[in-house]
Amino acid sequence: MTRADLQEALKNANVMAFLRAIRLGEGTADEAGYYRVVGGGTFTDDRWHPNVRVFIKRYNVHSSAAGAYQIINRTWQSLKRLYGFPDFSPACQDEAAVALIRGRRALNDVIAGRFHEAVAKCSKEWASLPGSTAGQRTETIEAVRQAYMDAGGTLA
């Protein structure tokens, strides 16, 4: 898959709705979410991933998660090499999220409206999705489905 393929996938209404649903649990549903660092801080320079390590006392872990999809720096650097993302702008973050969905073999499910299948596969990527075993707080399937539907997603 190329970067152009990621951009093409973003033209699909179900893909865009699924991205909105992911953001619900990541605490980044608002437009400022593209500039949010784990723990609630923000950054302003989107020329690169902010790579700010934050200690999350609740889970006793450090994380560099940032942006709308709370992508950690290590994952971002890998995606940047694979797809040639020039920056950490909102557009590149959306493309990266599609790449992560594809990496979980869920992109076809998302496009086809197989919502529950897509959530199950992506819960290994996003700890806030229902079914995640990461040990963090998860959203209910009802809340995620409602966010998806409110954003224009359709079910198979």
C-alpha atoms as a PDB file:
ATOM      1  CA  MET A   1       0.000   0.000   0.000  1.00  0.00           C
ATOM      2  CA  THR A   2       1.282   3.440  -0.905  1.00  0.00           C
ATOM      3  CA  ARG A   3       0.662   6.812   0.641  1.00  0.00           C
ATOM      4  CA  ALA A   4      -1.673   7.561  -2.274  1.00  0.00           C
ATOM      5  CA  ASP A   5      -3.671   4.442  -1.325  1.00  0.00           C
ATOM      6  CA  LEU A   6      -3.974   5.740   2.248  1.00  0.00           C
ATOM      7  CA  GLN A   7      -5.207   9.076   0.920  1.00  0.00           C
ATOM      8  CA  GLU A   8      -7.708   7.302  -1.331  1.00  0.00           C
ATOM      9  CA  ALA A   9      -9.042   5.281   1.626  1.00  0.00           C
ATOM     10  CA  LEU A  10      -9.698   8.547   3.463  1.00  0.00           C
ATOM     11  CA  LYS A  11     -12.318   9.397   0.828  1.00  0.00           C
ATOM     12  CA  ASN A  12     -14.464   6.548   2.141  1.00  0.00           C
ATOM     13  CA  ALA A  13     -17.197   7.669   4.563  1.00  0.00           C
ATOM     14  CA  ASN A  14     -16.853   4.547   6.736  1.00  0.00           C
ATOM     15  CA  VAL A  15     -13.111   5.092   7.078  1.00  0.00           C
ATOM     16  CA  MET A  16     -13.617   8.673   8.194  1.00  0.00           C
ATOM     17  CA  ALA A  17     -16.356   7.624  10.611  1.00  0.00           C
ATOM     18  CA  PHE A  18     -14.162   4.868  12.058  1.00  0.00           C
ATOM     19  CA  LEU A  19     -11.363   7.373  12.634  1.00  0.00           C
ATOM     20  CA  ARG A  20     -13.799   9.587  14.561  1.00  0.00           C
ATOM     21  CA  ALA A  21     -14.859   6.585  16.638  1.00  0.00           C
ATOM     22  CA  ILE A  22     -11.237   5.789  17.532  1.00  0.00           C
ATOM     23  CA  ARG A  23     -10.700   9.362  18.675  1.00  0.00           C
ATOM     24  CA  LEU A  24     -13.587   9.102  21.148  1.00  0.00           C
ATOM     25  CA  GLY A  25     -11.665   6.768  23.449  1.00  0.00           C
ATOM     26  CA  GLU A  26      -8.301   8.380  22.834  1.00  0.00           C
ATOM     27  CA  GLY A  27      -9.577  11.647  24.326  1.00  0.00           C
ATOM     28  CA  THR A  28      -8.952  13.509  21.088  1.00  0.00           C
ATOM     29  CA  ALA A  29     -12.420  13.840  19.574  1.00  0.00           C
ATOM     30  CA  ASP A  30     -12.184  17.637  19.337  1.00  0.00           C
ATOM     31  CA  GLU A  31     -10.134  19.418  16.656  1.00  0.00           C
ATOM     32  CA  ALA A  32      -7.442  20.227  19.216  1.00  0.00           C
ATOM     33  CA  GLY A  33      -6.988  16.457  19.543  1.00  0.00           C
ATOM     34  CA  TYR A  34      -4.528  16.513  16.653  1.00  0.00           C
ATOM     35  CA  TYR A  35      -2.221  18.473  18.965  1.00  0.00           C
ATOM     36  CA  ARG A  36      -2.763  16.519  22.193  1.00  0.00           C
ATOM     37  CA  VAL A  37      -0.095  14.629  24.100  1.00  0.00           C
ATOM     38  CA  VAL A  38      -1.000  11.692  26.320  1.00  0.00           C
ATOM     39  CA  GLY A  39      -2.072  12.952  29.716  1.00  0.00           C
ATOM     40  CA  GLY A  40      -3.742  16.061  28.301  1.00  0.00           C
ATOM     41  CA  GLY A  41      -0.824  18.298  27.352  1.00  0.00           C
ATOM     42  CA  THR A  42      -0.550  19.857  23.914  1.00  0.00           C
ATOM     43  CA  PHE A  43       2.080  20.672  21.307  1.00  0.00           C
ATOM     44  CA  THR A  44       2.129  23.301  18.561  1.00  0.00           C
ATOM     45  CA  ASP A  45       4.869  22.249  16.134  1.00  0.00           C
ATOM     46  CA  ASP A  46       3.608  19.525  13.794  1.00  0.00           C
ATOM     47  CA  ARG A  47       6.780  19.354  11.705  1.00  0.00           C
ATOM     48  CA  TRP A  48       7.567  16.135  13.614  1.00  0.00           C
ATOM     49  CA  HIS A  49       6.176  13.843  16.300  1.00  0.00           C
ATOM     50  CA  PRO A  50       6.610  15.718  19.603  1.00  0.00           C
ATOM     51  CA  ASN A  51       8.178  12.644  21.270  1.00  0.00           C
ATOM     52  CA  VAL A  52       7.340  13.858  24.757  1.00  0.00           C
ATOM     53  CA  ARG A  53       7.617  11.050  27.321  1.00  0.00           C
ATOM     54  CA  VAL A  54       4.874  11.358  29.906  1.00  0.00           C
ATOM     55  CA  PHE A  55       4.547   9.230  33.028  1.00  0.00           C
ATOM     56  CA  ILE A  56       0.976   7.991  33.407  1.00  0.00           C
ATOM     57  CA  LYS A  57       0.659   7.277  37.120  1.00  0.00           C
ATOM     58  CA  ARG A  58      -2.708   5.545  36.760  1.00  0.00           C
ATOM     59  CA  TYR A  59      -1.115   2.783  34.637  1.00  0.00           C
ATOM     60  CA  ASN A  60       2.438   3.135  35.954  1.00  0.00           C
ATOM     61  CA  VAL A  61       3.896   3.548  32.447  1.00  0.00           C
ATOM     62  CA  HIS A  62       5.714   6.110  30.348  1.00  0.00           C
ATOM     63  CA  SER A  63       4.247   6.948  26.959  1.00  0.00           C
ATOM     64  CA  SER A  64       5.072   9.184  24.010  1.00  0.00           C
ATOM     65  CA  ALA A  65       1.530   8.938  22.585  1.00  0.00           C
ATOM     66  CA  ALA A  66       0.520  12.048  20.690  1.00  0.00           C
ATOM     67  CA  GLY A  67      -1.967  13.366  18.178  1.00  0.00           C
ATOM     68  CA  ALA A  68      -5.502  12.405  17.301  1.00  0.00           C
ATOM     69  CA  TYR A  69      -4.751   8.666  17.362  1.00  0.00           C
ATOM     70  CA  GLN A  70      -2.254   8.794  20.239  1.00  0.00           C
ATOM     71  CA  ILE A  71       0.517   7.269  18.142  1.00  0.00           C
ATOM     72  CA  ILE A  72       3.708   6.558  20.058  1.00  0.00           C
ATOM     73  CA  ASN A  73       6.968   7.889  18.663  1.00  0.00           C
ATOM     74  CA  ARG A  74       8.416   4.441  17.845  1.00  0.00           C
ATOM     75  CA  THR A  75       5.336   3.573  15.759  1.00  0.00           C
ATOM     76  CA  TRP A  76       5.385   7.001  14.092  1.00  0.00           C
ATOM     77  CA  GLN A  77       9.033   6.647  13.086  1.00  0.00           C
ATOM     78  CA  SER A  78       8.280   3.279  11.493  1.00  0.00           C
ATOM     79  CA  LEU A  79       5.266   4.652   9.604  1.00  0.00           C
ATOM     80  CA  LYS A  80       7.271   7.703   8.532  1.00  0.00           C
ATOM     81  CA  ARG A  81       9.943   5.449   6.992  1.00  0.00           C
ATOM     82  CA  LEU A  82       7.345   3.237   5.276  1.00  0.00           C
ATOM     83  CA  TYR A  83       5.172   6.003   3.825  1.00  0.00           C
ATOM     84  CA  GLY A  84       7.407   9.051   3.695  1.00  0.00           C
ATOM     85  CA  PHE A  85       5.210  11.273   5.864  1.00  0.00           C
ATOM     86  CA  PRO A  86       6.786  14.733   5.785  1.00  0.00           C
ATOM     87  CA  ASP A  87       5.373  15.889   9.124  1.00  0.00           C
ATOM     88  CA  PHE A  88       2.956  15.135  11.962  1.00  0.00           C
ATOM     89  CA  SER A  89       0.175  17.297  10.522  1.00  0.00           C
ATOM     90  CA  PRO A  90      -3.482  16.314  10.897  1.00  0.00           C
ATOM     91  CA  ALA A  91      -3.544  14.952   7.318  1.00  0.00           C
ATOM     92  CA  CYS A  92      -0.512  12.750   7.959  1.00  0.00           C
ATOM     93  CA  GLN A  93      -1.961  11.574  11.266  1.00  0.00           C
ATOM     94  CA  ASP A  94      -5.151  10.494   9.475  1.00  0.00           C
ATOM     95  CA  GLU A  95      -3.125   8.661   6.837  1.00  0.00           C
ATOM     96  CA  ALA A  96      -1.053   6.989   9.554  1.00  0.00           C
ATOM     97  CA  ALA A  97      -4.198   5.817  11.347  1.00  0.00           C
ATOM     98  CA  VAL A  98      -5.411   4.224   8.107  1.00  0.00           C
ATOM     99  CA  ALA A  99      -2.031   2.499   7.790  1.00  0.00           C
ATOM    100  CA  LEU A 100      -2.414   1.146  11.339  1.00  0.00           C
ATOM    101  CA  ILE A 101      -5.945  -0.074  10.577  1.00  0.00           C
ATOM    102  CA  ARG A 102      -4.609  -1.785   7.468  1.00  0.00           C
ATOM    103  CA  GLY A 103      -1.784  -3.275   9.528  1.00  0.00           C
ATOM    104  CA  ARG A 104      -4.395  -4.915  11.736  1.00  0.00           C
ATOM    105  CA  ARG A 105      -6.058  -6.339   8.594  1.00  0.00           C
ATOM    106  CA  ALA A 106      -9.198  -4.345   9.328  1.00  0.00           C
ATOM    107  CA  LEU A 107      -9.316  -1.832   6.480  1.00  0.00           C
ATOM    108  CA  ASN A 108     -11.560  -3.977   4.278  1.00  0.00           C
ATOM    109  CA  ASP A 109     -13.864  -4.535   7.267  1.00  0.00           C
ATOM    110  CA  VAL A 110     -14.064  -0.794   7.902  1.00  0.00           C
ATOM    111  CA  ILE A 111     -14.807   0.001   4.256  1.00  0.00           C
ATOM    112  CA  ALA A 112     -17.470  -2.726   4.083  1.00  0.00           C
ATOM    113  CA  GLY A 113     -19.148  -1.553   7.305  1.00  0.00           C
ATOM    114  CA  ARG A 114     -18.210  -4.656   9.289  1.00  0.00           C
ATOM    115  CA  PHE A 115     -17.909  -2.464  12.351  1.00  0.00           C
ATOM    116  CA  HIS A 116     -17.673  -5.104  15.079  1.00  0.00           C
ATOM    117  CA  GLU A 117     -15.033  -7.087  13.196  1.00  0.00           C
ATOM    118  CA  ALA A 118     -12.998  -3.934  12.633  1.00  0.00           C
ATOM    119  CA  VAL A 119     -13.198  -2.920  16.296  1.00  0.00           C
ATOM    120  CA  ALA A 120     -12.111  -6.393  17.422  1.00  0.00           C
ATOM    121  CA  LYS A 121      -9.066  -6.270  15.145  1.00  0.00           C
ATOM    122  CA  CYS A 122      -8.146  -2.681  15.985  1.00  0.00           C
ATOM    123  CA  SER A 123      -8.487  -3.155  19.747  1.00  0.00           C
ATOM    124  CA  LYS A 124      -4.962  -4.571  19.564  1.00  0.00           C
ATOM    125  CA  GLU A 125      -3.775  -1.181  18.252  1.00  0.00           C
ATOM    126  CA  TRP A 126      -5.877   1.248  20.298  1.00  0.00           C
ATOM    127  CA  ALA A 127      -6.137   0.403  23.979  1.00  0.00           C
ATOM    128  CA  SER A 128      -9.349   2.400  24.404  1.00  0.00           C
ATOM    129  CA  LEU A 129     -11.357   0.239  21.990  1.00  0.00           C
ATOM    130  CA  PRO A 130     -13.676  -2.398  23.434  1.00  0.00           C
ATOM    131  CA  GLY A 131     -12.003  -5.776  23.705  1.00  0.00           C
ATOM    132  CA  SER A 132      -8.522  -4.393  24.275  1.00  0.00           C
ATOM    133  CA  THR A 133      -6.429  -6.387  26.720  1.00  0.00           C
ATOM    134  CA  ALA A 134      -3.943  -3.551  27.330  1.00  0.00           C
ATOM    135  CA  GLY A 135      -5.286  -2.993  30.830  1.00  0.00           C
ATOM    136  CA  GLN A 136      -6.362   0.592  30.225  1.00  0.00           C
ATOM    137  CA  ARG A 137      -9.814   2.149  30.311  1.00  0.00           C
ATOM    138  CA  THR A 138     -11.933   1.112  27.325  1.00  0.00           C
ATOM    139  CA  GLU A 139     -15.019   2.629  25.788  1.00  0.00           C
ATOM    140  CA  THR A 140     -18.188   0.578  25.518  1.00  0.00           C
ATOM    141  CA  ILE A 141     -19.017  -0.888  22.140  1.00  0.00           C
ATOM    142  CA  GLU A 142     -22.261   1.109  22.239  1.00  0.00           C
ATOM    143  CA  ALA A 143     -20.431   4.420  22.686  1.00  0.00           C
ATOM    144  CA  VAL A 144     -17.936   3.645  19.926  1.00  0.00           C
ATOM    145  CA  ARG A 145     -20.694   2.489  17.566  1.00  0.00           C
ATOM    146  CA  GLN A 146     -22.686   5.657  18.314  1.00  0.00           C
ATOM    147  CA  ALA A 147     -19.654   7.849  17.553  1.00  0.00           C
ATOM    148  CA  TYR A 148     -19.174   5.906  14.304  1.00  0.00           C
ATOM    149  CA  MET A 149     -22.830   6.290  13.321  1.00  0.00           C
ATOM    150  CA  ASP A 150     -22.920   9.972  14.312  1.00  0.00           C
ATOM    151  CA  ALA A 151     -19.930  10.532  11.992  1.00  0.00           C
ATOM    152  CA  GLY A 152     -21.805   8.989   9.053  1.00  0.00           C
ATOM    153  CA  GLY A 153     -20.639   5.388   9.251  1.00  0.00           C
ATOM    154  CA  THR A 154     -22.825   2.592   7.926  1.00  0.00           C
ATOM    155  CA  LEU A 155     -23.128  -1.001   9.066  1.00  0.00           C
ATOM    156  CA  ALA A 156     -23.007  -4.022   6.780  1.00  0.00           C
END
